[in-house]
Amino acid sequence: EGLMSPFSAEFSNIVSQEMDRLVNEYRVANNRDAVAVQSFAIECASLKAQHMVDNNYFDHTYNGQFIWDIYPEYREMGVCGENILKITNDGTVYAVQEWVVQ
């Protein structure tokens, strides 16, 4: 059996499911409710990530616009994230703390 391509949809789904599991495990261990996966939110986040790749930027906004300004059909989400992480030289990952406290 060959190795799975890290660029395949199957690999992406496995990583996404494991990430969801780990986030919820961490939240519950820290006395927070688990969060439900919403396909519309995943679609929006994937669109945002692809927009960053296509337009060669790494930020929450593009030319001062959020993703729902560019794609108004996602405005009803209210919040759409793309999991941009801040990792410091000492290895601190700030996004994880946000998952716990929200």
N, C-alpha and C. Protein backbone atom coordinates (compact mmCIF):
# COMPACT_ATOMS: atom_id res chain seq x y z
N GLU A 1 0.85 -1.18 0.00
CA GLU A 1 0.00 0.00 0.00
C GLU A 1 0.89 1.24 0.00
N GLY A 2 0.62 2.19 -0.90
CA GLY A 2 1.43 3.39 -1.02
C GLY A 2 1.06 4.44 0.00
N LEU A 3 1.90 5.44 0.09
CA LEU A 3 1.64 6.55 0.99
C LEU A 3 0.57 7.47 0.40
N MET A 4 -0.19 8.07 1.28
CA MET A 4 -1.23 9.01 0.87
C MET A 4 -0.58 10.37 0.60
N SER A 5 -1.01 11.01 -0.46
CA SER A 5 -0.49 12.33 -0.78
C SER A 5 -1.00 13.35 0.23
N PRO A 6 -0.10 14.20 0.76
CA PRO A 6 -0.56 15.24 1.69
C PRO A 6 -1.41 16.30 0.99
N PHE A 7 -1.50 16.24 -0.33
CA PHE A 7 -2.31 17.20 -1.09
C PHE A 7 -3.68 16.63 -1.46
N SER A 8 -3.95 15.40 -1.04
CA SER A 8 -5.22 14.76 -1.41
C SER A 8 -6.35 15.21 -0.49
N ALA A 9 -7.56 15.10 -0.99
CA ALA A 9 -8.75 15.43 -0.19
C ALA A 9 -8.86 14.47 0.99
N GLU A 10 -8.50 13.22 0.78
CA GLU A 10 -8.57 12.23 1.87
C GLU A 10 -7.65 12.62 3.02
N PHE A 11 -6.42 13.01 2.71
CA PHE A 11 -5.48 13.44 3.74
C PHE A 11 -6.00 14.68 4.47
N SER A 12 -6.52 15.63 3.71
CA SER A 12 -7.07 16.86 4.30
C SER A 12 -8.21 16.54 5.26
N ASN A 13 -9.09 15.62 4.87
CA ASN A 13 -10.20 15.24 5.74
C ASN A 13 -9.73 14.57 7.02
N ILE A 14 -8.73 13.71 6.91
CA ILE A 14 -8.19 13.03 8.10
C ILE A 14 -7.58 14.05 9.06
N VAL A 15 -6.79 14.97 8.53
CA VAL A 15 -6.15 15.99 9.36
C VAL A 15 -7.22 16.87 10.01
N SER A 16 -8.22 17.27 9.24
CA SER A 16 -9.29 18.12 9.76
C SER A 16 -10.05 17.42 10.90
N GLN A 17 -10.40 16.17 10.71
CA GLN A 17 -11.12 15.42 11.75
C GLN A 17 -10.28 15.28 13.01
N GLU A 18 -9.00 15.02 12.84
CA GLU A 18 -8.13 14.87 14.01
C GLU A 18 -7.95 16.21 14.72
N MET A 19 -7.85 17.27 13.97
CA MET A 19 -7.74 18.60 14.56
C MET A 19 -8.99 18.93 15.37
N ASP A 20 -10.15 18.65 14.80
CA ASP A 20 -11.41 18.88 15.52
C ASP A 20 -11.44 18.08 16.81
N ARG A 21 -11.03 16.83 16.74
CA ARG A 21 -11.02 15.97 17.91
C ARG A 21 -10.09 16.51 18.99
N LEU A 22 -8.90 16.91 18.59
CA LEU A 22 -7.92 17.42 19.56
C LEU A 22 -8.38 18.74 20.19
N VAL A 23 -8.94 19.62 19.38
CA VAL A 23 -9.43 20.90 19.92
C VAL A 23 -10.51 20.63 20.96
N ASN A 24 -11.46 19.78 20.65
CA ASN A 24 -12.54 19.49 21.59
C ASN A 24 -12.05 18.76 22.83
N GLU A 25 -11.11 17.88 22.65
CA GLU A 25 -10.51 17.19 23.80
C GLU A 25 -9.86 18.21 24.74
N TYR A 26 -9.15 19.14 24.17
CA TYR A 26 -8.49 20.19 24.95
C TYR A 26 -9.50 21.09 25.63
N ARG A 27 -10.55 21.48 24.89
CA ARG A 27 -11.58 22.35 25.46
C ARG A 27 -12.26 21.68 26.64
N VAL A 28 -12.66 20.44 26.48
CA VAL A 28 -13.35 19.71 27.55
C VAL A 28 -12.44 19.56 28.76
N ALA A 29 -11.17 19.28 28.52
CA ALA A 29 -10.21 19.15 29.62
C ALA A 29 -10.02 20.46 30.37
N ASN A 30 -10.38 21.57 29.73
CA ASN A 30 -10.25 22.89 30.34
C ASN A 30 -11.62 23.49 30.67
N ASN A 31 -12.57 22.60 30.94
CA ASN A 31 -13.92 22.99 31.39
C ASN A 31 -14.68 23.89 30.41
N ARG A 32 -14.51 23.65 29.14
CA ARG A 32 -15.26 24.35 28.09
C ARG A 32 -16.09 23.33 27.33
N ASP A 33 -17.18 23.79 26.73
CA ASP A 33 -18.00 22.91 25.90
C ASP A 33 -17.25 22.58 24.62
N ALA A 34 -17.49 21.38 24.12
CA ALA A 34 -16.97 21.01 22.81
C ALA A 34 -17.68 21.87 21.76
N VAL A 35 -17.03 22.10 20.65
CA VAL A 35 -17.63 22.87 19.57
C VAL A 35 -18.05 21.94 18.44
N ALA A 36 -19.16 22.27 17.81
CA ALA A 36 -19.66 21.48 16.68
C ALA A 36 -19.02 21.97 15.39
N VAL A 37 -18.73 21.05 14.51
CA VAL A 37 -18.19 21.40 13.21
C VAL A 37 -19.35 21.83 12.32
N GLN A 38 -19.19 22.99 11.68
CA GLN A 38 -20.21 23.51 10.77
C GLN A 38 -19.63 23.55 9.36
N SER A 39 -20.25 22.83 8.45
CA SER A 39 -19.72 22.73 7.09
C SER A 39 -19.62 24.09 6.41
N PHE A 40 -20.56 24.99 6.68
CA PHE A 40 -20.53 26.32 6.09
C PHE A 40 -19.29 27.09 6.56
N ALA A 41 -18.94 26.93 7.83
CA ALA A 41 -17.75 27.59 8.38
C ALA A 41 -16.48 27.01 7.76
N ILE A 42 -16.45 25.70 7.57
CA ILE A 42 -15.29 25.06 6.95
C ILE A 42 -15.14 25.53 5.51
N GLU A 43 -16.27 25.64 4.81
CA GLU A 43 -16.25 26.12 3.43
C GLU A 43 -15.70 27.54 3.37
N CYS A 44 -16.15 28.39 4.28
CA CYS A 44 -15.69 29.78 4.32
C CYS A 44 -14.19 29.86 4.63
N ALA A 45 -13.76 29.08 5.61
CA ALA A 45 -12.34 29.08 5.99
C ALA A 45 -11.47 28.56 4.85
N SER A 46 -11.94 27.55 4.14
CA SER A 46 -11.19 27.01 3.00
C SER A 46 -11.09 28.05 1.89
N LEU A 47 -12.19 28.76 1.65
CA LEU A 47 -12.20 29.82 0.65
C LEU A 47 -11.19 30.90 1.03
N LYS A 48 -11.16 31.27 2.30
CA LYS A 48 -10.23 32.29 2.79
C LYS A 48 -8.78 31.83 2.59
N ALA A 49 -8.51 30.60 2.97
CA ALA A 49 -7.15 30.07 2.82
C ALA A 49 -6.73 30.06 1.35
N GLN A 50 -7.63 29.64 0.45
CA GLN A 50 -7.31 29.62 -0.97
C GLN A 50 -7.12 31.04 -1.50
N HIS A 51 -7.92 31.98 -1.00
CA HIS A 51 -7.79 33.38 -1.43
C HIS A 51 -6.41 33.91 -1.04
N MET A 52 -5.92 33.54 0.14
CA MET A 52 -4.58 33.98 0.57
C MET A 52 -3.51 33.41 -0.36
N VAL A 53 -3.65 32.13 -0.72
CA VAL A 53 -2.68 31.51 -1.63
C VAL A 53 -2.73 32.18 -3.00
N ASP A 54 -3.94 32.33 -3.53
CA ASP A 54 -4.09 32.90 -4.87
C ASP A 54 -3.60 34.34 -4.97
N ASN A 55 -3.69 35.08 -3.86
CA ASN A 55 -3.32 36.50 -3.88
C ASN A 55 -2.04 36.80 -3.12
N ASN A 56 -1.34 35.76 -2.70
CA ASN A 56 -0.01 35.87 -2.09
C ASN A 56 0.03 36.83 -0.89
N TYR A 57 -0.82 36.55 0.11
CA TYR A 57 -0.79 37.34 1.35
C TYR A 57 -1.05 36.42 2.53
N PHE A 58 -0.77 36.89 3.71
CA PHE A 58 -0.97 36.12 4.93
C PHE A 58 -1.47 37.07 6.00
N ASP A 59 -2.77 37.29 6.02
CA ASP A 59 -3.36 38.27 6.93
C ASP A 59 -4.85 37.98 7.06
N HIS A 60 -5.48 38.59 8.04
CA HIS A 60 -6.92 38.43 8.22
C HIS A 60 -7.71 39.24 7.22
N THR A 61 -7.10 40.25 6.62
CA THR A 61 -7.78 41.07 5.63
C THR A 61 -6.95 41.14 4.35
N TYR A 62 -7.63 41.48 3.26
CA TYR A 62 -6.99 41.66 1.97
C TYR A 62 -7.40 43.04 1.46
N ASN A 63 -6.43 43.93 1.33
CA ASN A 63 -6.71 45.31 0.94
C ASN A 63 -7.79 45.93 1.84
N GLY A 64 -7.71 45.63 3.13
CA GLY A 64 -8.64 46.18 4.10
C GLY A 64 -9.99 45.50 4.17
N GLN A 65 -10.17 44.42 3.43
CA GLN A 65 -11.46 43.73 3.39
C GLN A 65 -11.37 42.36 4.05
N PHE A 66 -12.40 42.01 4.81
CA PHE A 66 -12.53 40.67 5.34
C PHE A 66 -13.10 39.77 4.25
N ILE A 67 -13.03 38.47 4.45
CA ILE A 67 -13.47 37.53 3.41
C ILE A 67 -14.94 37.74 3.05
N TRP A 68 -15.78 38.11 4.04
CA TRP A 68 -17.20 38.31 3.74
C TRP A 68 -17.46 39.62 3.01
N ASP A 69 -16.47 40.52 3.00
CA ASP A 69 -16.58 41.71 2.15
C ASP A 69 -16.33 41.33 0.69
N ILE A 70 -15.45 40.37 0.49
CA ILE A 70 -15.10 39.91 -0.85
C ILE A 70 -16.16 38.94 -1.37
N TYR A 71 -16.65 38.07 -0.49
CA TYR A 71 -17.68 37.08 -0.82
C TYR A 71 -18.87 37.30 0.12
N PRO A 72 -19.80 38.20 -0.24
CA PRO A 72 -20.89 38.58 0.67
C PRO A 72 -21.79 37.42 1.11
N GLU A 73 -21.81 36.34 0.36
CA GLU A 73 -22.64 35.20 0.75
C GLU A 73 -22.20 34.58 2.08
N TYR A 74 -21.00 34.92 2.55
CA TYR A 74 -20.50 34.40 3.82
C TYR A 74 -20.73 35.39 4.97
N ARG A 75 -21.31 36.53 4.70
CA ARG A 75 -21.53 37.53 5.74
C ARG A 75 -22.40 36.99 6.87
N GLU A 76 -23.36 36.13 6.58
CA GLU A 76 -24.24 35.60 7.62
C GLU A 76 -23.50 34.78 8.67
N MET A 77 -22.30 34.34 8.36
CA MET A 77 -21.50 33.58 9.32
C MET A 77 -21.20 34.43 10.55
N GLY A 78 -20.94 35.70 10.35
CA GLY A 78 -20.57 36.56 11.46
C GLY A 78 -19.09 36.45 11.77
N VAL A 79 -18.59 35.24 11.80
CA VAL A 79 -17.17 34.98 12.07
C VAL A 79 -16.73 33.87 11.13
N CYS A 80 -15.59 34.05 10.53
CA CYS A 80 -15.03 33.02 9.66
C CYS A 80 -13.53 33.02 9.91
N GLY A 81 -12.98 31.90 10.28
CA GLY A 81 -11.56 31.84 10.59
C GLY A 81 -10.81 30.94 9.65
N GLU A 82 -9.53 31.16 9.58
CA GLU A 82 -8.68 30.35 8.72
C GLU A 82 -7.50 29.75 9.49
N ASN A 83 -7.59 29.80 10.81
CA ASN A 83 -6.57 29.19 11.67
C ASN A 83 -5.16 29.72 11.45
N ILE A 84 -5.03 31.03 11.34
CA ILE A 84 -3.70 31.63 11.32
C ILE A 84 -3.15 31.53 12.74
N LEU A 85 -1.99 30.96 12.87
CA LEU A 85 -1.37 30.78 14.18
C LEU A 85 -0.23 31.74 14.39
N LYS A 86 -0.04 32.13 15.63
CA LYS A 86 1.16 32.88 16.00
C LYS A 86 1.98 31.97 16.89
N ILE A 87 3.15 31.61 16.40
CA ILE A 87 4.05 30.75 17.16
C ILE A 87 5.30 31.56 17.46
N THR A 88 5.61 31.73 18.74
CA THR A 88 6.77 32.52 19.13
C THR A 88 8.03 31.66 19.13
N ASN A 89 9.18 32.29 19.31
CA ASN A 89 10.45 31.56 19.33
C ASN A 89 10.51 30.51 20.42
N ASP A 90 9.76 30.73 21.52
CA ASP A 90 9.78 29.73 22.59
C ASP A 90 8.75 28.63 22.38
N GLY A 91 8.06 28.65 21.23
CA GLY A 91 7.12 27.60 20.89
C GLY A 91 5.69 27.83 21.34
N THR A 92 5.39 28.99 21.93
CA THR A 92 4.02 29.28 22.35
C THR A 92 3.13 29.43 21.12
N VAL A 93 1.99 28.73 21.15
CA VAL A 93 1.01 28.82 20.06
C VAL A 93 -0.20 29.54 20.61
N TYR A 94 -0.45 30.75 20.14
CA TYR A 94 -1.51 31.58 20.69
C TYR A 94 -2.91 31.18 20.26
N ALA A 95 -3.08 30.60 19.09
CA ALA A 95 -4.42 30.24 18.62
C ALA A 95 -5.07 29.22 19.55
N VAL A 96 -4.30 28.31 20.09
CA VAL A 96 -4.85 27.28 20.98
C VAL A 96 -5.52 27.93 22.17
N GLN A 97 -4.93 28.95 22.75
CA GLN A 97 -5.54 29.63 23.88
C GLN A 97 -6.87 30.25 23.50
N GLU A 98 -6.99 30.77 22.30
CA GLU A 98 -8.25 31.34 21.85
C GLU A 98 -9.33 30.27 21.73
N TRP A 99 -8.96 29.07 21.30
CA TRP A 99 -9.95 27.98 21.20
C TRP A 99 -10.50 27.63 22.57
N VAL A 100 -9.68 27.76 23.59
CA VAL A 100 -10.10 27.38 24.93
C VAL A 100 -11.01 28.44 25.55
N VAL A 101 -10.67 29.70 25.40
CA VAL A 101 -11.40 30.74 26.13
C VAL A 101 -12.69 31.18 25.43
N GLN A 102 -12.81 30.94 24.14
CA GLN A 102 -14.02 31.38 23.42
C GLN A 102 -15.20 30.47 23.70
